[in-house]
Amino acid sequence: MSYEDIIEAQKRQDEKKTARTQKRKSPSTTARQSKRVCSDELRKAESEIERWGLGSYCSVIPL
């Protein structure tokens, strides 16, 4: 293996790493949807607690 081969292999490896990190930076649509679903469930649970008059006895802990 020559010095040029090693340099070229390092360049390819760096390009792969760069491509992977660029892909990971943008959040997926499923992650955004799960946050929205979680907040909807949170509001629904809080409204049920208030409707039943259990606000002083119960609470909702967001995860």
PDB file of N, CA and C in Angstrom:
ATOM      1  N   MET A   1       0.854  -1.174   0.000  1.00  0.00           N
ATOM      2  CA  MET A   1       0.000   0.000   0.000  1.00  0.00           C
ATOM      3  C   MET A   1       0.905   1.244   0.000  1.00  0.00           C
ATOM      4  N   SER A   2       0.651   2.115  -0.917  1.00  0.00           N
ATOM      5  CA  SER A   2       1.478   3.316  -1.026  1.00  0.00           C
ATOM      6  C   SER A   2       0.916   4.447  -0.172  1.00  0.00           C
ATOM      7  N   TYR A   3       1.695   5.471  -0.031  1.00  0.00           N
ATOM      8  CA  TYR A   3       1.286   6.644   0.742  1.00  0.00           C
ATOM      9  C   TYR A   3       0.051   7.293   0.131  1.00  0.00           C
ATOM     10  N   GLU A   4      -0.023   7.346  -1.187  1.00  0.00           N
ATOM     11  CA  GLU A   4      -1.177   7.943  -1.874  1.00  0.00           C
ATOM     12  C   GLU A   4      -2.457   7.153  -1.599  1.00  0.00           C
ATOM     13  N   ASP A   5      -2.331   5.816  -1.546  1.00  0.00           N
ATOM     14  CA  ASP A   5      -3.487   4.977  -1.244  1.00  0.00           C
ATOM     15  C   ASP A   5      -4.011   5.257   0.166  1.00  0.00           C
ATOM     16  N   ILE A   6      -3.108   5.431   1.100  1.00  0.00           N
ATOM     17  CA  ILE A   6      -3.502   5.719   2.483  1.00  0.00           C
ATOM     18  C   ILE A   6      -4.201   7.067   2.569  1.00  0.00           C
ATOM     19  N   ILE A   7      -3.661   8.069   1.888  1.00  0.00           N
ATOM     20  CA  ILE A   7      -4.265   9.400   1.893  1.00  0.00           C
ATOM     21  C   ILE A   7      -5.657   9.352   1.277  1.00  0.00           C
ATOM     22  N   GLU A   8      -5.798   8.636   0.177  1.00  0.00           N
ATOM     23  CA  GLU A   8      -7.105   8.540  -0.478  1.00  0.00           C
ATOM     24  C   GLU A   8      -8.113   7.806   0.398  1.00  0.00           C
ATOM     25  N   ALA A   9      -7.685   6.762   1.085  1.00  0.00           N
ATOM     26  CA  ALA A   9      -8.574   6.026   1.983  1.00  0.00           C
ATOM     27  C   ALA A   9      -9.030   6.920   3.139  1.00  0.00           C
ATOM     28  N   GLN A  10      -8.129   7.754   3.658  1.00  0.00           N
ATOM     29  CA  GLN A  10      -8.498   8.673   4.737  1.00  0.00           C
ATOM     30  C   GLN A  10      -9.513   9.697   4.248  1.00  0.00           C
ATOM     31  N   LYS A  11      -9.351  10.187   3.026  1.00  0.00           N
ATOM     32  CA  LYS A  11     -10.300  11.147   2.464  1.00  0.00           C
ATOM     33  C   LYS A  11     -11.685  10.526   2.332  1.00  0.00           C
ATOM     34  N   ARG A  12     -11.730   9.281   1.832  1.00  0.00           N
ATOM     35  CA  ARG A  12     -13.021   8.603   1.702  1.00  0.00           C
ATOM     36  C   ARG A  12     -13.675   8.399   3.061  1.00  0.00           C
ATOM     37  N   GLN A  13     -12.874   8.047   4.053  1.00  0.00           N
ATOM     38  CA  GLN A  13     -13.399   7.843   5.396  1.00  0.00           C
ATOM     39  C   GLN A  13     -13.947   9.150   5.971  1.00  0.00           C
ATOM     40  N   ASP A  14     -13.245  10.249   5.763  1.00  0.00           N
ATOM     41  CA  ASP A  14     -13.716  11.558   6.227  1.00  0.00           C
ATOM     42  C   ASP A  14     -15.018  11.954   5.543  1.00  0.00           C
ATOM     43  N   GLU A  15     -15.130  11.664   4.247  1.00  0.00           N
ATOM     44  CA  GLU A  15     -16.358  11.986   3.516  1.00  0.00           C
ATOM     45  C   GLU A  15     -17.539  11.196   4.060  1.00  0.00           C
ATOM     46  N   LYS A  16     -17.320   9.926   4.391  1.00  0.00           N
ATOM     47  CA  LYS A  16     -18.380   9.101   4.957  1.00  0.00           C
ATOM     48  C   LYS A  16     -18.835   9.652   6.304  1.00  0.00           C
ATOM     49  N   LYS A  17     -17.878  10.054   7.147  1.00  0.00           N
ATOM     50  CA  LYS A  17     -18.214  10.608   8.459  1.00  0.00           C
ATOM     51  C   LYS A  17     -19.018  11.897   8.309  1.00  0.00           C
ATOM     52  N   THR A  18     -18.617  12.730   7.374  1.00  0.00           N
ATOM     53  CA  THR A  18     -19.317  13.991   7.135  1.00  0.00           C
ATOM     54  C   THR A  18     -20.733  13.725   6.663  1.00  0.00           C
ATOM     55  N   ALA A  19     -20.895  12.769   5.771  1.00  0.00           N
ATOM     56  CA  ALA A  19     -22.226  12.437   5.261  1.00  0.00           C
ATOM     57  C   ALA A  19     -23.118  11.903   6.380  1.00  0.00           C
ATOM     58  N   ARG A  20     -22.558  11.087   7.263  1.00  0.00           N
ATOM     59  CA  ARG A  20     -23.347  10.549   8.369  1.00  0.00           C
ATOM     60  C   ARG A  20     -23.790  11.644   9.329  1.00  0.00           C
ATOM     61  N   THR A  21     -22.906  12.565   9.680  1.00  0.00           N
ATOM     62  CA  THR A  21     -23.274  13.611  10.633  1.00  0.00           C
ATOM     63  C   THR A  21     -24.285  14.569  10.027  1.00  0.00           C
ATOM     64  N   GLN A  22     -24.215  14.803   8.735  1.00  0.00           N
ATOM     65  CA  GLN A  22     -25.192  15.677   8.093  1.00  0.00           C
ATOM     66  C   GLN A  22     -26.569  15.041   8.105  1.00  0.00           C
ATOM     67  N   LYS A  23     -26.646  13.750   7.958  1.00  0.00           N
ATOM     68  CA  LYS A  23     -27.929  13.057   7.978  1.00  0.00           C
ATOM     69  C   LYS A  23     -28.556  13.108   9.362  1.00  0.00           C
ATOM     70  N   ARG A  24     -27.757  13.026  10.392  1.00  0.00           N
ATOM     71  CA  ARG A  24     -28.268  12.954  11.753  1.00  0.00           C
ATOM     72  C   ARG A  24     -28.715  14.299  12.307  1.00  0.00           C
ATOM     73  N   LYS A  25     -28.305  15.385  11.697  1.00  0.00           N
ATOM     74  CA  LYS A  25     -28.633  16.694  12.241  1.00  0.00           C
ATOM     75  C   LYS A  25     -30.109  17.040  12.099  1.00  0.00           C
ATOM     76  N   SER A  26     -30.758  16.591  11.052  1.00  0.00           N
ATOM     77  CA  SER A  26     -32.155  16.943  10.857  1.00  0.00           C
ATOM     78  C   SER A  26     -33.039  15.933  11.588  1.00  0.00           C
ATOM     79  N   PRO A  27     -33.985  16.415  12.398  1.00  0.00           N
ATOM     80  CA  PRO A  27     -34.860  15.494  13.118  1.00  0.00           C
ATOM     81  C   PRO A  27     -35.832  14.816  12.154  1.00  0.00           C
ATOM     82  N   SER A  28     -36.135  13.599  12.443  1.00  0.00           N
ATOM     83  CA  SER A  28     -37.046  12.867  11.579  1.00  0.00           C
ATOM     84  C   SER A  28     -38.479  13.311  11.814  1.00  0.00           C
ATOM     85  N   THR A  29     -39.324  13.025  10.861  1.00  0.00           N
ATOM     86  CA  THR A  29     -40.732  13.411  10.994  1.00  0.00           C
ATOM     87  C   THR A  29     -41.402  12.607  12.091  1.00  0.00           C
ATOM     88  N   THR A  30     -40.977  11.377  12.323  1.00  0.00           N
ATOM     89  CA  THR A  30     -41.587  10.576  13.381  1.00  0.00           C
ATOM     90  C   THR A  30     -41.268  11.158  14.750  1.00  0.00           C
ATOM     91  N   ALA A  31     -40.089  11.725  14.915  1.00  0.00           N
ATOM     92  CA  ALA A  31     -39.738  12.337  16.194  1.00  0.00           C
ATOM     93  C   ALA A  31     -40.622  13.553  16.453  1.00  0.00           C
ATOM     94  N   ARG A  32     -40.845  14.358  15.413  1.00  0.00           N
ATOM     95  CA  ARG A  32     -41.716  15.523  15.576  1.00  0.00           C
ATOM     96  C   ARG A  32     -43.143  15.088  15.866  1.00  0.00           C
ATOM     97  N   GLN A  33     -43.615  14.043  15.213  1.00  0.00           N
ATOM     98  CA  GLN A  33     -44.969  13.566  15.441  1.00  0.00           C
ATOM     99  C   GLN A  33     -45.115  12.996  16.843  1.00  0.00           C
ATOM    100  N   SER A  34     -44.108  12.283  17.336  1.00  0.00           N
ATOM    101  CA  SER A  34     -44.207  11.707  18.670  1.00  0.00           C
ATOM    102  C   SER A  34     -44.268  12.797  19.728  1.00  0.00           C
ATOM    103  N   LYS A  35     -43.540  13.906  19.531  1.00  0.00           N
ATOM    104  CA  LYS A  35     -43.610  15.013  20.477  1.00  0.00           C
ATOM    105  C   LYS A  35     -45.011  15.610  20.474  1.00  0.00           C
ATOM    106  N   ARG A  36     -45.599  15.734  19.288  1.00  0.00           N
ATOM    107  CA  ARG A  36     -46.933  16.298  19.172  1.00  0.00           C
ATOM    108  C   ARG A  36     -47.948  15.387  19.845  1.00  0.00           C
ATOM    109  N   VAL A  37     -47.819  14.076  19.638  1.00  0.00           N
ATOM    110  CA  VAL A  37     -48.731  13.119  20.252  1.00  0.00           C
ATOM    111  C   VAL A  37     -48.596  13.168  21.767  1.00  0.00           C
ATOM    112  N   CYS A  38     -47.386  13.267  22.243  1.00  0.00           N
ATOM    113  CA  CYS A  38     -47.135  13.309  23.679  1.00  0.00           C
ATOM    114  C   CYS A  38     -47.785  14.541  24.298  1.00  0.00           C
ATOM    115  N   SER A  39     -47.655  15.688  23.650  1.00  0.00           N
ATOM    116  CA  SER A  39     -48.246  16.902  24.196  1.00  0.00           C
ATOM    117  C   SER A  39     -49.769  16.832  24.148  1.00  0.00           C
ATOM    118  N   ASP A  40     -50.325  16.190  23.122  1.00  0.00           N
ATOM    119  CA  ASP A  40     -51.774  16.008  23.056  1.00  0.00           C
ATOM    120  C   ASP A  40     -52.258  15.117  24.190  1.00  0.00           C
ATOM    121  N   GLU A  41     -51.519  14.042  24.448  1.00  0.00           N
ATOM    122  CA  GLU A  41     -51.887  13.145  25.545  1.00  0.00           C
ATOM    123  C   GLU A  41     -51.772  13.849  26.889  1.00  0.00           C
ATOM    124  N   LEU A  42     -50.774  14.683  27.025  1.00  0.00           N
ATOM    125  CA  LEU A  42     -50.579  15.433  28.264  1.00  0.00           C
ATOM    126  C   LEU A  42     -51.775  16.356  28.518  1.00  0.00           C
ATOM    127  N   ARG A  43     -52.174  17.097  27.501  1.00  0.00           N
ATOM    128  CA  ARG A  43     -53.334  17.989  27.656  1.00  0.00           C
ATOM    129  C   ARG A  43     -54.605  17.207  27.952  1.00  0.00           C
ATOM    130  N   LYS A  44     -54.760  16.075  27.293  1.00  0.00           N
ATOM    131  CA  LYS A  44     -55.950  15.247  27.511  1.00  0.00           C
ATOM    132  C   LYS A  44     -55.986  14.727  28.953  1.00  0.00           C
ATOM    133  N   ALA A  45     -54.845  14.270  29.458  1.00  0.00           N
ATOM    134  CA  ALA A  45     -54.781  13.757  30.830  1.00  0.00           C
ATOM    135  C   ALA A  45     -55.058  14.863  31.848  1.00  0.00           C
ATOM    136  N   GLU A  46     -54.480  16.040  31.617  1.00  0.00           N
ATOM    137  CA  GLU A  46     -54.724  17.151  32.541  1.00  0.00           C
ATOM    138  C   GLU A  46     -56.189  17.572  32.538  1.00  0.00           C
ATOM    139  N   SER A  47     -56.809  17.561  31.370  1.00  0.00           N
ATOM    140  CA  SER A  47     -58.224  17.949  31.321  1.00  0.00           C
ATOM    141  C   SER A  47     -59.099  16.912  32.019  1.00  0.00           C
ATOM    142  N   GLU A  48     -58.751  15.635  31.916  1.00  0.00           N
ATOM    143  CA  GLU A  48     -59.519  14.603  32.618  1.00  0.00           C
ATOM    144  C   GLU A  48     -59.392  14.752  34.136  1.00  0.00           C
ATOM    145  N   ILE A  49     -58.183  15.059  34.602  1.00  0.00           N
ATOM    146  CA  ILE A  49     -57.982  15.251  36.037  1.00  0.00           C
ATOM    147  C   ILE A  49     -58.823  16.416  36.531  1.00  0.00           C
ATOM    148  N   GLU A  50     -58.835  17.510  35.784  1.00  0.00           N
ATOM    149  CA  GLU A  50     -59.635  18.669  36.176  1.00  0.00           C
ATOM    150  C   GLU A  50     -61.127  18.364  36.105  1.00  0.00           C
ATOM    151  N   ARG A  51     -61.545  17.620  35.088  1.00  0.00           N
ATOM    152  CA  ARG A  51     -62.961  17.291  34.932  1.00  0.00           C
ATOM    153  C   ARG A  51     -63.461  16.467  36.112  1.00  0.00           C
ATOM    154  N   TRP A  52     -62.645  15.556  36.607  1.00  0.00           N
ATOM    155  CA  TRP A  52     -63.034  14.719  37.734  1.00  0.00           C
ATOM    156  C   TRP A  52     -62.806  15.406  39.080  1.00  0.00           C
ATOM    157  N   GLY A  53     -62.194  16.590  39.060  1.00  0.00           N
ATOM    158  CA  GLY A  53     -61.965  17.318  40.303  1.00  0.00           C
ATOM    159  C   GLY A  53     -60.857  16.735  41.154  1.00  0.00           C
ATOM    160  N   LEU A  54     -59.901  16.098  40.519  1.00  0.00           N
ATOM    161  CA  LEU A  54     -58.818  15.458  41.261  1.00  0.00           C
ATOM    162  C   LEU A  54     -57.511  16.241  41.173  1.00  0.00           C
ATOM    163  N   GLY A  55     -57.578  17.519  40.866  1.00  0.00           N
ATOM    164  CA  GLY A  55     -56.390  18.340  40.702  1.00  0.00           C
ATOM    165  C   GLY A  55     -55.511  18.412  41.934  1.00  0.00           C
ATOM    166  N   SER A  56     -56.094  18.348  43.113  1.00  0.00           N
ATOM    167  CA  SER A  56     -55.292  18.416  44.335  1.00  0.00           C
ATOM    168  C   SER A  56     -54.714  17.051  44.712  1.00  0.00           C
ATOM    169  N   TYR A  57     -55.183  15.988  44.061  1.00  0.00           N
ATOM    170  CA  TYR A  57     -54.722  14.641  44.388  1.00  0.00           C
ATOM    171  C   TYR A  57     -53.808  14.031  43.317  1.00  0.00           C
ATOM    172  N   CYS A  58     -53.948  14.474  42.084  1.00  0.00           N
ATOM    173  CA  CYS A  58     -53.221  13.866  40.967  1.00  0.00           C
ATOM    174  C   CYS A  58     -52.450  14.920  40.185  1.00  0.00           C
ATOM    175  N   SER A  59     -51.458  14.451  39.473  1.00  0.00           N
ATOM    176  CA  SER A  59     -50.733  15.308  38.547  1.00  0.00           C
ATOM    177  C   SER A  59     -50.202  14.450  37.408  1.00  0.00           C
ATOM    178  N   VAL A  60     -49.794  15.102  36.348  1.00  0.00           N
ATOM    179  CA  VAL A  60     -49.244  14.409  35.190  1.00  0.00           C
ATOM    180  C   VAL A  60     -47.785  14.793  35.072  1.00  0.00           C
ATOM    181  N   ILE A  61     -46.935  13.793  34.954  1.00  0.00           N
ATOM    182  CA  ILE A  61     -45.502  14.031  34.830  1.00  0.00           C
ATOM    183  C   ILE A  61     -45.109  13.799  33.373  1.00  0.00           C
ATOM    184  N   PRO A  62     -44.702  14.861  32.664  1.00  0.00           N
ATOM    185  CA  PRO A  62     -44.286  14.664  31.266  1.00  0.00           C
ATOM    186  C   PRO A  62     -42.931  13.972  31.201  1.00  0.00           C
ATOM    187  N   LEU A  63     -42.818  13.013  30.290  1.00  0.00           N
ATOM    188  CA  LEU A  63     -41.558  12.268  30.141  1.00  0.00           C
ATOM    189  C   LEU A  63     -40.790  12.755  28.959  1.00  0.00           C
TER     190      LEU A  63
END
